[in-house]
Amino acid sequence: MIIRRAEKKDIDGINKLLRQVLDIHHSGRPDIFKSGAKKYTDDELEEIMRDDTRPIFIAIEGERVVGYAFCVFVQHNDDNILTDIKSLYIDDLCVDESMRGKHIGRELYLFVLDFARVSGCYNITLNVWSCNESAYKFYEKCGFLPQKTVMEKIL
């Protein structure tokens, strides 16, 4: 398996995984997530790929995209209350459902961790939906701890 930055030729494989993530989220929260929708257009994916502040890393086995990690650098310089720390936010991490249990997610995470360290980040952050229990457990195993909690009351 190879982990590298995503390229235009990887868009079809990335789209397959984006659909899998949407299916999980729609299944858990159909009141929020649309069925069959697409998170990004192909043009938006290409734009993200050109943006060094929003790197996408993919795991490749053979010619097949078997996982990805969408990342975003976040820094609040000269904020009134927040320090100037540089964070790497994992916006989305997915492993193909047919490849789960083979430690691809762990390898992607370790790659992102090294990338964040080399990039001078203080921490890595992410959000996980409470309806996605397997993802929550995965992140706990990787050493993540809750930083804050988003709560809701449906009206």
C-alpha atoms as a PDB file:
ATOM      1  CA  MET A   1       0.000   0.000   0.000  1.00  0.00           C
ATOM      2  CA  ILE A   2       1.166   3.512  -0.845  1.00  0.00           C
ATOM      3  CA  ILE A   3      -0.028   6.722   0.818  1.00  0.00           C
ATOM      4  CA  ARG A   4       0.421   9.952  -1.128  1.00  0.00           C
ATOM      5  CA  ARG A   5      -1.217  13.269  -2.015  1.00  0.00           C
ATOM      6  CA  ALA A   6      -4.320  12.888  -4.142  1.00  0.00           C
ATOM      7  CA  GLU A   7      -4.178  13.761  -7.824  1.00  0.00           C
ATOM      8  CA  LYS A   8      -6.822  14.450 -10.469  1.00  0.00           C
ATOM      9  CA  LYS A   9      -6.630  10.830 -11.672  1.00  0.00           C
ATOM     10  CA  ASP A  10      -7.827   9.693  -8.208  1.00  0.00           C
ATOM     11  CA  ILE A  11     -11.166  11.522  -8.304  1.00  0.00           C
ATOM     12  CA  ASP A  12     -13.295   8.501  -9.284  1.00  0.00           C
ATOM     13  CA  GLY A  13     -11.862   6.434  -6.423  1.00  0.00           C
ATOM     14  CA  ILE A  14     -12.314   9.298  -3.967  1.00  0.00           C
ATOM     15  CA  ASN A  15     -15.923   9.763  -5.088  1.00  0.00           C
ATOM     16  CA  LYS A  16     -16.648   6.085  -4.383  1.00  0.00           C
ATOM     17  CA  LEU A  17     -15.430   6.524  -0.806  1.00  0.00           C
ATOM     18  CA  LEU A  18     -17.242   9.838  -0.346  1.00  0.00           C
ATOM     19  CA  ARG A  19     -20.479   7.997  -1.229  1.00  0.00           C
ATOM     20  CA  GLN A  20     -19.725   5.356   1.413  1.00  0.00           C
ATOM     21  CA  VAL A  21     -19.236   8.032   4.076  1.00  0.00           C
ATOM     22  CA  LEU A  22     -22.435   9.779   3.047  1.00  0.00           C
ATOM     23  CA  ASP A  23     -24.319   6.474   3.279  1.00  0.00           C
ATOM     24  CA  ILE A  24     -23.090   5.989   6.862  1.00  0.00           C
ATOM     25  CA  HIS A  25     -24.052   9.536   7.826  1.00  0.00           C
ATOM     26  CA  HIS A  26     -27.414   9.393   6.038  1.00  0.00           C
ATOM     27  CA  SER A  27     -28.205   6.096   7.713  1.00  0.00           C
ATOM     28  CA  GLY A  28     -27.415   7.563  11.133  1.00  0.00           C
ATOM     29  CA  ARG A  29     -28.925  11.018  10.586  1.00  0.00           C
ATOM     30  CA  PRO A  30     -31.321  11.092   7.620  1.00  0.00           C
ATOM     31  CA  ASP A  31     -32.743  14.309   9.054  1.00  0.00           C
ATOM     32  CA  ILE A  32     -29.428  16.050   8.289  1.00  0.00           C
ATOM     33  CA  PHE A  33     -27.739  14.128   5.464  1.00  0.00           C
ATOM     34  CA  LYS A  34     -29.310  13.754   2.026  1.00  0.00           C
ATOM     35  CA  SER A  35     -29.407  10.373   0.342  1.00  0.00           C
ATOM     36  CA  GLY A  36     -27.370  10.012  -2.845  1.00  0.00           C
ATOM     37  CA  ALA A  37     -25.893  13.522  -2.656  1.00  0.00           C
ATOM     38  CA  LYS A  38     -22.280  14.368  -3.465  1.00  0.00           C
ATOM     39  CA  LYS A  39     -20.130  16.306  -0.973  1.00  0.00           C
ATOM     40  CA  TYR A  40     -17.945  17.873  -3.673  1.00  0.00           C
ATOM     41  CA  THR A  41     -18.181  18.277  -7.414  1.00  0.00           C
ATOM     42  CA  ASP A  42     -15.225  17.006  -9.417  1.00  0.00           C
ATOM     43  CA  ASP A  43     -14.205  20.637 -10.030  1.00  0.00           C
ATOM     44  CA  GLU A  44     -14.286  21.313  -6.286  1.00  0.00           C
ATOM     45  CA  LEU A  45     -12.130  18.243  -5.657  1.00  0.00           C
ATOM     46  CA  GLU A  46      -9.592  19.466  -8.218  1.00  0.00           C
ATOM     47  CA  GLU A  47      -9.556  22.889  -6.559  1.00  0.00           C
ATOM     48  CA  ILE A  48      -8.959  21.330  -3.128  1.00  0.00           C
ATOM     49  CA  MET A  49      -6.133  19.221  -4.565  1.00  0.00           C
ATOM     50  CA  ARG A  50      -4.373  22.383  -5.756  1.00  0.00           C
ATOM     51  CA  ASP A  51      -4.719  24.054  -2.337  1.00  0.00           C
ATOM     52  CA  ASP A  52      -1.736  23.316  -0.071  1.00  0.00           C
ATOM     53  CA  THR A  53      -3.772  24.409   2.964  1.00  0.00           C
ATOM     54  CA  ARG A  54      -6.248  21.566   2.311  1.00  0.00           C
ATOM     55  CA  PRO A  55      -4.218  18.449   1.501  1.00  0.00           C
ATOM     56  CA  ILE A  56      -5.942  15.201   0.609  1.00  0.00           C
ATOM     57  CA  PHE A  57      -3.978  12.019   1.233  1.00  0.00           C
ATOM     58  CA  ILE A  58      -4.986   8.728  -0.324  1.00  0.00           C
ATOM     59  CA  ALA A  59      -4.099   5.109   0.331  1.00  0.00           C
ATOM     60  CA  ILE A  60      -3.555   3.149  -2.876  1.00  0.00           C
ATOM     61  CA  GLU A  61      -3.444  -0.591  -3.254  1.00  0.00           C
ATOM     62  CA  GLY A  62      -2.481  -1.493  -6.806  1.00  0.00           C
ATOM     63  CA  GLU A  63      -4.309   1.175  -8.801  1.00  0.00           C
ATOM     64  CA  ARG A  64      -7.275   1.351  -6.421  1.00  0.00           C
ATOM     65  CA  VAL A  65      -7.997   4.142  -3.933  1.00  0.00           C
ATOM     66  CA  VAL A  66      -8.752   2.255  -0.712  1.00  0.00           C
ATOM     67  CA  GLY A  67      -8.740   5.171   1.719  1.00  0.00           C
ATOM     68  CA  TYR A  68      -8.412   8.913   2.069  1.00  0.00           C
ATOM     69  CA  ALA A  69      -7.887  11.676   4.594  1.00  0.00           C
ATOM     70  CA  PHE A  70      -9.109  15.196   3.796  1.00  0.00           C
ATOM     71  CA  CYS A  71      -7.159  17.675   5.927  1.00  0.00           C
ATOM     72  CA  VAL A  72      -7.260  21.435   6.525  1.00  0.00           C
ATOM     73  CA  PHE A  73      -4.691  23.639   8.229  1.00  0.00           C
ATOM     74  CA  VAL A  74      -6.322  25.894  10.845  1.00  0.00           C
ATOM     75  CA  GLN A  75      -4.672  28.798  12.635  1.00  0.00           C
ATOM     76  CA  HIS A  76      -6.247  31.773  14.394  1.00  0.00           C
ATOM     77  CA  ASN A  77      -3.510  34.403  14.272  1.00  0.00           C
ATOM     78  CA  ASP A  78      -3.950  37.453  16.514  1.00  0.00           C
ATOM     79  CA  ASP A  79      -7.327  36.221  17.790  1.00  0.00           C
ATOM     80  CA  ASN A  80      -8.690  37.969  20.887  1.00  0.00           C
ATOM     81  CA  ILE A  81      -8.988  34.754  22.916  1.00  0.00           C
ATOM     82  CA  LEU A  82      -7.287  31.929  21.008  1.00  0.00           C
ATOM     83  CA  THR A  83      -3.563  31.319  20.865  1.00  0.00           C
ATOM     84  CA  ASP A  84      -1.768  31.229  17.502  1.00  0.00           C
ATOM     85  CA  ILE A  85      -1.317  27.452  17.479  1.00  0.00           C
ATOM     86  CA  LYS A  86      -1.388  25.753  14.101  1.00  0.00           C
ATOM     87  CA  SER A  87      -3.695  22.731  13.893  1.00  0.00           C
ATOM     88  CA  LEU A  88      -4.345  20.145  11.246  1.00  0.00           C
ATOM     89  CA  TYR A  89      -8.045  19.370  11.076  1.00  0.00           C
ATOM     90  CA  ILE A  90      -9.042  16.000   9.614  1.00  0.00           C
ATOM     91  CA  ASP A  91     -12.223  16.901   7.782  1.00  0.00           C
ATOM     92  CA  ASP A  92     -12.875  13.363   6.609  1.00  0.00           C
ATOM     93  CA  LEU A  93     -11.118  10.002   6.867  1.00  0.00           C
ATOM     94  CA  CYS A  94     -12.482   6.918   5.131  1.00  0.00           C
ATOM     95  CA  VAL A  95     -11.385   3.391   4.308  1.00  0.00           C
ATOM     96  CA  ASP A  96     -13.241   1.424   1.654  1.00  0.00           C
ATOM     97  CA  GLU A  97     -15.815  -0.765   3.377  1.00  0.00           C
ATOM     98  CA  SER A  98     -14.379  -3.863   1.662  1.00  0.00           C
ATOM     99  CA  MET A  99     -10.915  -3.110   3.085  1.00  0.00           C
ATOM    100  CA  ARG A 100     -11.759  -2.310   6.704  1.00  0.00           C
ATOM    101  CA  GLY A 101      -9.951  -4.263   9.397  1.00  0.00           C
ATOM    102  CA  LYS A 102      -6.649  -4.259   7.465  1.00  0.00           C
ATOM    103  CA  HIS A 103      -5.180  -1.284   9.391  1.00  0.00           C
ATOM    104  CA  ILE A 104      -5.411   1.072   6.398  1.00  0.00           C
ATOM    105  CA  GLY A 105      -7.122   3.712   8.546  1.00  0.00           C
ATOM    106  CA  ARG A 106      -4.360   3.463  11.122  1.00  0.00           C
ATOM    107  CA  GLU A 107      -1.677   3.840   8.430  1.00  0.00           C
ATOM    108  CA  LEU A 108      -3.482   6.866   6.981  1.00  0.00           C
ATOM    109  CA  TYR A 109      -3.741   8.392  10.439  1.00  0.00           C
ATOM    110  CA  LEU A 110      -0.026   7.790  11.158  1.00  0.00           C
ATOM    111  CA  PHE A 111       0.851   9.381   7.811  1.00  0.00           C
ATOM    112  CA  VAL A 112      -1.279  12.435   8.663  1.00  0.00           C
ATOM    113  CA  LEU A 113       0.281  12.557  12.143  1.00  0.00           C
ATOM    114  CA  ASP A 114       3.798  12.657  10.680  1.00  0.00           C
ATOM    115  CA  PHE A 115       2.715  15.256   8.117  1.00  0.00           C
ATOM    116  CA  ALA A 116       1.267  17.443  10.896  1.00  0.00           C
ATOM    117  CA  ARG A 117       4.458  17.188  12.953  1.00  0.00           C
ATOM    118  CA  VAL A 118       6.692  18.065   9.991  1.00  0.00           C
ATOM    119  CA  SER A 119       4.337  20.956   9.169  1.00  0.00           C
ATOM    120  CA  GLY A 120       4.796  22.453  12.654  1.00  0.00           C
ATOM    121  CA  CYS A 121       1.319  21.700  13.966  1.00  0.00           C
ATOM    122  CA  TYR A 122       0.511  21.749  17.668  1.00  0.00           C
ATOM    123  CA  ASN A 123      -2.333  19.233  17.358  1.00  0.00           C
ATOM    124  CA  ILE A 124      -4.693  17.330  15.093  1.00  0.00           C
ATOM    125  CA  THR A 125      -8.421  17.841  15.493  1.00  0.00           C
ATOM    126  CA  LEU A 126     -11.503  16.248  13.972  1.00  0.00           C
ATOM    127  CA  ASN A 127     -15.217  15.870  14.433  1.00  0.00           C
ATOM    128  CA  VAL A 128     -17.028  12.555  14.655  1.00  0.00           C
ATOM    129  CA  TRP A 129     -20.777  12.064  14.491  1.00  0.00           C
ATOM    130  CA  SER A 130     -22.209  10.324  17.540  1.00  0.00           C
ATOM    131  CA  CYS A 131     -24.144   7.983  15.230  1.00  0.00           C
ATOM    132  CA  ASN A 132     -20.823   6.674  13.837  1.00  0.00           C
ATOM    133  CA  GLU A 133     -19.755   4.570  16.795  1.00  0.00           C
ATOM    134  CA  SER A 134     -17.089   2.598  14.895  1.00  0.00           C
ATOM    135  CA  ALA A 135     -15.345   5.819  13.846  1.00  0.00           C
ATOM    136  CA  TYR A 136     -15.488   7.116  17.409  1.00  0.00           C
ATOM    137  CA  LYS A 137     -13.864   3.926  18.700  1.00  0.00           C
ATOM    138  CA  PHE A 138     -11.216   4.081  15.958  1.00  0.00           C
ATOM    139  CA  TYR A 139     -10.230   7.625  16.922  1.00  0.00           C
ATOM    140  CA  GLU A 140     -10.100   6.684  20.613  1.00  0.00           C
ATOM    141  CA  LYS A 141      -7.693   3.852  19.730  1.00  0.00           C
ATOM    142  CA  CYS A 142      -5.549   6.408  17.894  1.00  0.00           C
ATOM    143  CA  GLY A 143      -5.287   8.430  21.117  1.00  0.00           C
ATOM    144  CA  PHE A 144      -7.842  11.149  20.440  1.00  0.00           C
ATOM    145  CA  LEU A 145      -9.657  12.658  23.414  1.00  0.00           C
ATOM    146  CA  PRO A 146     -12.728  14.898  23.358  1.00  0.00           C
ATOM    147  CA  GLN A 147     -11.797  18.565  23.047  1.00  0.00           C
ATOM    148  CA  LYS A 148     -15.318  19.938  23.014  1.00  0.00           C
ATOM    149  CA  THR A 149     -18.839  18.640  22.556  1.00  0.00           C
ATOM    150  CA  VAL A 150     -21.435  19.934  20.121  1.00  0.00           C
ATOM    151  CA  MET A 151     -24.936  19.399  21.451  1.00  0.00           C
ATOM    152  CA  GLU A 152     -28.334  19.855  19.853  1.00  0.00           C
ATOM    153  CA  LYS A 153     -32.017  19.949  20.638  1.00  0.00           C
ATOM    154  CA  ILE A 154     -34.230  19.103  17.707  1.00  0.00           C
ATOM    155  CA  LEU A 155     -37.313  21.306  17.653  1.00  0.00           C
END
